[in-house]
């Protein structure tokens, strides 16, 4: 059964998805199972808690199946599991499709020293809903988190798109901004791929933060399912093309600038890492369009035609959250 539209029984009310702040409980079970880091015989700091990101993926899959029929993606046959080069960890992958979903995919990395979740859901080009994005990195000492509904189109200058998808979600963002402070500098190019409700944060690993992050993941994913459940299929060919190009631009940026590339290369080698990035994590970068990174982001191109190799440094950096409590953009994206 496909996603329900409007007031069908398969959609659900936004108010029911937002757990009041006072009712977010820390699980006693997860707290008991969360043990402090320890060192192995070589002195390497290793993870020693039982909490994992499989719980997040299982929730998302179960919740999605309540609203639509998920079928395995053709990618699943090739991308399912990889061992790390050193034999001390592995990468687990899942991928699915649905009536309105071009690709739902997850990557979980588990080693002695870290756990990583890269979970995303990409709509088909007939739907202009945001891209669901959850990127979590956990080590014994720290967590680095990005959780967002990445806007498909410009929300800084396109007021109608922002109103359509984000106006009603600002209370959700405000709720979690208070719990997860801004994580530090992001460039203006990066900011354009984030929404006013983005959670970009860093924190010390703890069972309390893990439970709060799980609550945020559930809330964000439920409202994303509501958005895609309500949206009608686009029939205007020009708008479908705009959606397709916008998604290809996003994939092109992520493929080139994703901060996890170095970790993947270290774990599985350059060749496998490149294939995983282009064919699985950001599948569509080679199929949905023909424009290159230089076409979309010419200001990154050096005089000799090569790309700026210093990462996401071009443009203004936002050290503090550039949206106010009403979701209005208060940063000047053109100043330096």
Protein backbone atom coordinates (compact mmCIF):
# COMPACT_ATOMS: atom_id res chain seq x y z
CA UNK A 1 0.00 0.00 0.00
CA UNK A 2 1.34 3.42 -0.92
CA UNK A 3 1.57 6.44 1.30
CA UNK A 4 -1.77 7.88 2.28
CA UNK A 5 -2.60 11.44 1.33
CA UNK A 6 -4.24 14.11 3.41
CA UNK A 7 -6.35 12.72 6.20
CA UNK A 8 -6.07 9.03 5.38
CA UNK A 9 -5.62 6.53 8.16
CA UNK A 10 -2.00 5.95 7.19
CA UNK A 11 -0.95 9.49 8.04
CA UNK A 12 -0.73 10.79 11.56
CA UNK A 13 -1.12 14.07 13.37
CA UNK A 14 2.00 16.16 13.98
CA UNK A 15 0.99 16.87 17.55
CA UNK A 16 1.09 13.18 18.39
CA UNK A 17 4.63 12.78 17.05
CA UNK A 18 6.24 15.46 19.21
CA UNK A 19 6.98 14.07 22.63
CA UNK A 20 6.76 16.89 25.20
CA UNK A 21 10.16 17.76 26.60
CA UNK A 22 9.10 16.84 30.10
CA UNK A 23 8.21 13.30 29.04
CA UNK A 24 11.52 12.31 27.44
CA UNK A 25 12.68 9.61 29.81
CA UNK A 26 16.16 8.18 30.16
CA UNK A 27 15.98 4.43 29.85
CA UNK A 28 17.15 2.67 32.99
CA UNK A 29 18.00 -0.38 30.91
CA UNK A 30 20.23 1.51 28.50
CA UNK A 31 21.88 3.30 31.42
CA UNK A 32 22.71 0.00 33.12
CA UNK A 33 24.11 -1.40 29.89
CA UNK A 34 26.21 1.68 29.13
CA UNK A 35 29.66 1.08 30.55
CA UNK A 36 32.58 3.46 30.61
CA UNK A 37 35.27 3.14 27.98
CA UNK A 38 38.16 0.82 28.65
CA UNK A 39 41.54 0.21 27.11
CA UNK A 40 42.67 -2.93 25.39
CA UNK A 41 46.11 -4.47 25.74
CA UNK A 42 47.62 -2.07 23.23
CA UNK A 43 46.28 0.95 25.09
CA UNK A 44 43.72 1.75 22.40
CA UNK A 45 40.51 3.24 23.72
CA UNK A 46 37.62 0.94 22.79
CA UNK A 47 33.86 1.15 23.07
CA UNK A 48 32.33 -1.00 25.78
CA UNK A 49 28.64 -0.12 25.77
CA UNK A 50 25.84 -2.25 24.38
CA UNK A 51 23.83 0.59 22.81
CA UNK A 52 24.05 0.62 19.02
CA UNK A 53 22.58 2.36 15.99
CA UNK A 54 20.79 -0.78 14.78
CA UNK A 55 17.98 0.30 17.10
CA UNK A 56 17.59 3.52 15.10
CA UNK A 57 17.45 1.74 11.75
CA UNK A 58 15.00 -0.88 13.01
CA UNK A 59 12.69 1.87 14.25
CA UNK A 60 12.82 3.67 10.89
CA UNK A 61 12.09 0.50 8.92
CA UNK A 62 9.21 -0.52 11.18
CA UNK A 63 7.72 2.97 11.08
CA UNK A 64 8.06 3.20 7.30
CA UNK A 65 6.35 -0.17 6.83
CA UNK A 66 3.37 1.18 8.75
CA UNK A 67 2.82 3.65 5.90
CA UNK A 68 4.06 2.06 2.72
CA UNK A 69 5.29 -1.17 1.18
CA UNK A 70 9.08 -1.35 1.34
CA UNK A 71 10.82 -3.59 -1.17
CA UNK A 72 14.55 -4.38 -1.24
CA UNK A 73 16.59 -2.20 -3.58
CA UNK A 74 18.66 -3.84 -6.34
CA UNK A 75 21.64 -2.33 -4.49
CA UNK A 76 21.10 -4.76 -1.61
CA UNK A 77 22.64 -7.67 -3.49
CA UNK A 78 25.99 -5.91 -3.85
CA UNK A 79 26.00 -3.72 -0.75
CA UNK A 80 25.16 -5.68 2.38
CA UNK A 81 28.30 -6.27 4.44
CA UNK A 82 32.02 -5.50 4.23
CA UNK A 83 34.82 -6.43 6.60
CA UNK A 84 37.32 -3.77 7.59
CA UNK A 85 40.81 -4.25 6.18
CA UNK A 86 42.25 -4.98 9.61
CA UNK A 87 39.55 -7.54 10.39
CA UNK A 88 38.52 -5.65 13.53
CA UNK A 89 35.17 -4.33 12.41
CA UNK A 90 32.57 -4.28 9.70
CA UNK A 91 30.15 -2.23 7.63
CA UNK A 92 26.48 -3.27 7.47
CA UNK A 93 24.24 -1.91 4.72
CA UNK A 94 20.52 -2.01 3.94
CA UNK A 95 18.59 -0.46 1.05
CA UNK A 96 14.92 -0.28 0.06
CA UNK A 97 12.49 1.39 -2.34
CA UNK A 98 8.82 2.36 -2.04
CA UNK A 99 6.03 4.11 -3.93
CA UNK A 100 7.36 7.60 -3.20
CA UNK A 101 10.88 6.68 -2.12
CA UNK A 102 13.68 6.41 -4.67
CA UNK A 103 16.09 5.04 -2.08
CA UNK A 104 16.07 4.40 1.66
CA UNK A 105 19.50 3.25 2.73
CA UNK A 106 21.53 2.80 5.88
CA UNK A 107 25.18 2.21 6.66
CA UNK A 108 26.35 1.17 10.12
CA UNK A 109 30.06 0.95 10.88
CA UNK A 110 31.14 -0.89 14.01
CA UNK A 111 34.76 -1.17 15.11
CA UNK A 112 36.55 -1.37 18.46
CA UNK A 113 36.92 2.40 18.60
CA UNK A 114 33.82 3.83 16.92
CA UNK A 115 30.27 3.39 15.71
CA UNK A 116 28.84 5.28 12.75
CA UNK A 117 25.33 5.62 11.37
CA UNK A 118 24.69 7.09 7.92
CA UNK A 119 20.95 6.89 7.24
CA UNK A 120 19.14 8.74 4.46
CA UNK A 121 15.89 8.61 2.51
CA UNK A 122 15.67 10.13 -0.96
CA UNK A 123 12.25 10.86 -2.50
CA UNK A 124 11.45 10.16 -6.12
CA UNK A 125 11.70 13.15 -8.46
CA UNK A 126 7.91 13.52 -8.58
CA UNK A 127 7.98 14.68 -4.94
CA UNK A 128 9.78 17.77 -3.67
CA UNK A 129 9.91 16.72 -0.01
CA UNK A 130 13.18 17.22 1.89
CA UNK A 131 15.78 14.46 2.12
CA UNK A 132 15.88 12.75 5.50
CA UNK A 133 19.45 12.74 6.78
CA UNK A 134 20.99 11.22 9.93
CA UNK A 135 24.78 11.12 10.26
CA UNK A 136 26.05 10.03 13.69
CA UNK A 137 29.63 9.32 14.75
CA UNK A 138 30.36 7.86 18.19
CA UNK A 139 33.69 7.14 19.84
CA UNK A 140 34.48 6.44 23.48
CA UNK A 141 34.91 10.15 24.15
CA UNK A 142 32.71 12.07 21.76
CA UNK A 143 29.70 12.13 19.45
CA UNK A 144 29.34 14.16 16.26
CA UNK A 145 25.75 14.44 15.04
CA UNK A 146 23.86 15.81 12.05
CA UNK A 147 20.11 15.16 11.99
CA UNK A 148 17.95 17.06 9.55
CA UNK A 149 15.34 17.18 6.85
CA UNK A 150 17.69 18.51 4.17
CA UNK A 151 15.68 20.89 1.94
CA UNK A 152 15.56 19.91 -1.70
CA UNK A 153 15.25 23.55 -2.76
CA UNK A 154 16.61 26.84 -1.45
CA UNK A 155 14.83 27.84 1.75
CA UNK A 156 16.87 30.99 2.33
CA UNK A 157 15.48 32.69 -0.77
CA UNK A 158 12.46 30.55 -1.71
CA UNK A 159 9.87 31.49 0.90
CA UNK A 160 7.12 29.28 -0.51
CA UNK A 161 9.17 26.08 -0.19
CA UNK A 162 10.15 26.94 3.37
CA UNK A 163 6.53 27.66 4.27
CA UNK A 164 5.35 24.43 2.66
CA UNK A 165 7.62 22.10 4.59
CA UNK A 166 9.24 23.83 7.56
CA UNK A 167 6.90 26.43 9.04
CA UNK A 168 5.00 23.83 11.08
CA UNK A 169 8.23 22.09 12.18
CA UNK A 170 9.93 25.06 13.87
CA UNK A 171 8.66 24.05 17.37
CA UNK A 172 10.29 20.65 16.84
CA UNK A 173 13.60 22.31 16.01
CA UNK A 174 13.40 24.70 18.97
CA UNK A 175 12.74 21.79 21.31
CA UNK A 176 15.96 20.02 20.37
CA UNK A 177 18.12 23.13 19.93
CA UNK A 178 17.83 23.54 23.69
CA UNK A 179 19.15 20.01 24.20
CA UNK A 180 21.82 19.90 21.48
CA UNK A 181 23.89 23.13 21.15
CA UNK A 182 25.32 24.20 17.79
CA UNK A 183 28.38 22.12 16.93
CA UNK A 184 30.68 24.78 15.48
CA UNK A 185 31.63 26.35 12.17
CA UNK A 186 29.83 25.46 8.94
CA UNK A 187 30.41 27.24 5.64
CA UNK A 188 27.75 29.05 3.64
CA UNK A 189 27.78 26.30 1.00
CA UNK A 190 27.13 23.65 3.65
CA UNK A 191 24.41 25.76 5.29
CA UNK A 192 22.41 25.84 2.05
CA UNK A 193 21.83 22.09 2.38
CA UNK A 194 20.48 22.35 5.93
CA UNK A 195 17.10 23.42 7.28
CA UNK A 196 16.17 25.69 10.22
CA UNK A 197 15.53 22.58 12.33
CA UNK A 198 18.92 20.96 11.75
CA UNK A 199 20.62 19.35 14.75
CA UNK A 200 24.36 19.85 14.25
CA UNK A 201 26.09 19.14 17.52
CA UNK A 202 28.96 17.50 19.39
CA UNK A 203 28.78 16.03 22.87
CA UNK A 204 30.49 13.66 25.28
CA UNK A 205 29.25 10.09 25.03
CA UNK A 206 26.71 9.15 27.70
CA UNK A 207 23.56 7.01 28.02
CA UNK A 208 21.48 10.13 28.65
CA UNK A 209 22.56 11.76 25.40
CA UNK A 210 22.08 8.49 23.52
CA UNK A 211 18.46 8.29 24.68
CA UNK A 212 17.83 11.95 23.81
CA UNK A 213 19.33 11.42 20.36
CA UNK A 214 17.10 8.40 19.83
CA UNK A 215 14.07 10.48 20.82
CA UNK A 216 15.09 13.19 18.34
CA UNK A 217 15.62 10.63 15.58
CA UNK A 218 12.14 9.19 16.17
CA UNK A 219 10.48 12.62 16.18
CA UNK A 220 12.26 13.81 13.05
CA UNK A 221 11.57 10.62 11.15
CA UNK A 222 7.89 10.59 12.06
CA UNK A 223 7.36 14.13 10.78
CA UNK A 224 9.27 13.29 7.60
CA UNK A 225 6.95 10.33 7.02
CA UNK A 226 4.00 12.65 7.53
CA UNK A 227 5.35 15.11 4.96
CA UNK A 228 5.91 12.50 2.27
CA UNK A 229 2.61 10.84 3.11
CA UNK A 230 0.67 14.03 2.41
CA UNK A 231 2.48 15.33 -0.67
CA UNK A 232 0.78 14.85 -4.02
CA UNK A 233 2.61 13.55 -7.07
CA UNK A 234 3.98 16.31 -9.28
CA UNK A 235 2.85 16.14 -12.91
CA UNK A 236 4.52 19.27 -14.27
CA UNK A 237 7.55 18.07 -16.22
CA UNK A 238 9.52 21.26 -15.59
CA UNK A 239 9.05 20.94 -11.81
CA UNK A 240 9.99 17.26 -11.90
CA UNK A 241 13.18 18.25 -13.71
CA UNK A 242 13.90 20.90 -11.07
CA UNK A 243 13.46 18.30 -8.34
CA UNK A 244 15.73 15.88 -10.17
CA UNK A 245 18.46 18.48 -10.69
CA UNK A 246 18.20 19.65 -7.07
CA UNK A 247 18.69 16.10 -5.81
CA UNK A 248 21.60 15.57 -8.20
CA UNK A 249 23.22 18.79 -6.98
CA UNK A 250 22.85 17.57 -3.39
CA UNK A 251 24.36 14.18 -4.24
CA UNK A 252 27.23 15.83 -6.11
CA UNK A 253 28.05 18.01 -3.11
CA UNK A 254 27.86 15.13 -0.64
CA UNK A 255 29.97 12.81 -2.79
CA UNK A 256 32.75 15.37 -3.06
CA UNK A 257 32.61 16.96 0.40
CA UNK A 258 31.36 14.22 2.71
CA UNK A 259 33.58 14.31 5.83
CA UNK A 260 33.40 10.53 6.22
CA UNK A 261 35.42 9.80 3.09
CA UNK A 262 38.67 9.61 4.99
CA UNK A 263 37.26 7.12 7.49
CA UNK A 264 35.93 4.88 4.71
CA UNK A 265 39.26 4.90 2.88
CA UNK A 266 41.06 3.92 6.06
CA UNK A 267 38.62 1.10 6.81
CA UNK A 268 38.12 -0.50 3.37
CA UNK A 269 40.62 1.12 1.00
CA UNK A 270 40.35 3.79 -1.70
CA UNK A 271 38.66 1.72 -4.41
CA UNK A 272 35.91 0.22 -2.26
CA UNK A 273 35.35 3.54 -0.49
CA UNK A 274 34.82 5.37 -3.79
CA UNK A 275 32.40 2.71 -5.00
CA UNK A 276 30.47 2.78 -1.71
CA UNK A 277 30.16 6.57 -1.86
CA UNK A 278 29.07 6.88 -5.50
CA UNK A 279 27.06 3.70 -5.95
CA UNK A 280 25.43 3.29 -2.53
CA UNK A 281 25.57 6.21 -0.10
CA UNK A 282 24.97 8.83 -2.79
CA UNK A 283 23.48 6.60 -5.41
CA UNK A 284 22.20 8.67 -8.33
CA UNK A 285 25.19 10.98 -8.62
CA UNK A 286 26.16 9.17 -11.84
CA UNK A 287 22.61 8.54 -13.08
CA UNK A 288 20.33 11.48 -12.23
CA UNK A 289 22.27 14.16 -14.09
CA UNK A 290 25.38 14.95 -16.11
CA UNK A 291 26.55 18.14 -14.41
CA UNK A 292 29.83 18.01 -12.51
CA UNK A 293 30.88 19.49 -9.19
CA UNK A 294 32.51 22.37 -11.09
CA UNK A 295 29.23 23.06 -12.89
CA UNK A 296 27.29 23.38 -9.63
CA UNK A 297 30.04 24.97 -7.52
CA UNK A 298 32.43 26.82 -9.88
CA UNK A 299 33.91 28.90 -7.04
CA UNK A 300 35.67 25.76 -5.77
CA UNK A 301 37.62 25.40 -9.00
CA UNK A 302 41.25 26.54 -8.92
CA UNK A 303 42.96 28.28 -11.84
CA UNK A 304 44.52 25.04 -13.07
CA UNK A 305 41.08 23.41 -13.18
CA UNK A 306 41.45 21.30 -10.04
CA UNK A 307 39.17 21.45 -7.01
CA UNK A 308 40.09 23.25 -3.83
CA UNK A 309 41.59 20.46 -1.73
CA UNK A 310 41.18 22.13 1.66
CA UNK A 311 37.68 20.89 2.36
CA UNK A 312 34.62 23.02 3.06
CA UNK A 313 36.46 26.32 3.49
CA UNK A 314 35.00 28.47 0.72
CA UNK A 315 32.61 31.20 1.84
CA UNK A 316 31.50 32.58 5.18
CA UNK A 317 31.71 30.34 8.25
CA UNK A 318 28.82 30.22 10.72
CA UNK A 319 30.18 29.63 14.19
CA UNK A 320 26.73 30.05 15.76
CA UNK A 321 23.29 28.88 14.69
CA UNK A 322 22.22 31.13 11.77
CA UNK A 323 18.46 30.74 12.36
CA UNK A 324 16.44 32.34 15.12
CA UNK A 325 13.69 30.73 17.21
CA UNK A 326 11.13 31.51 14.48
CA UNK A 327 13.20 29.74 11.85
CA UNK A 328 14.25 32.98 10.17
CA UNK A 329 17.73 33.04 8.64
CA UNK A 330 19.77 35.67 10.48
CA UNK A 331 23.18 35.05 8.92
CA UNK A 332 24.57 36.99 5.99
CA UNK A 333 25.56 34.26 3.58
CA UNK A 334 27.53 36.64 1.38
CA UNK A 335 29.68 38.33 4.01
CA UNK A 336 33.03 36.94 5.11
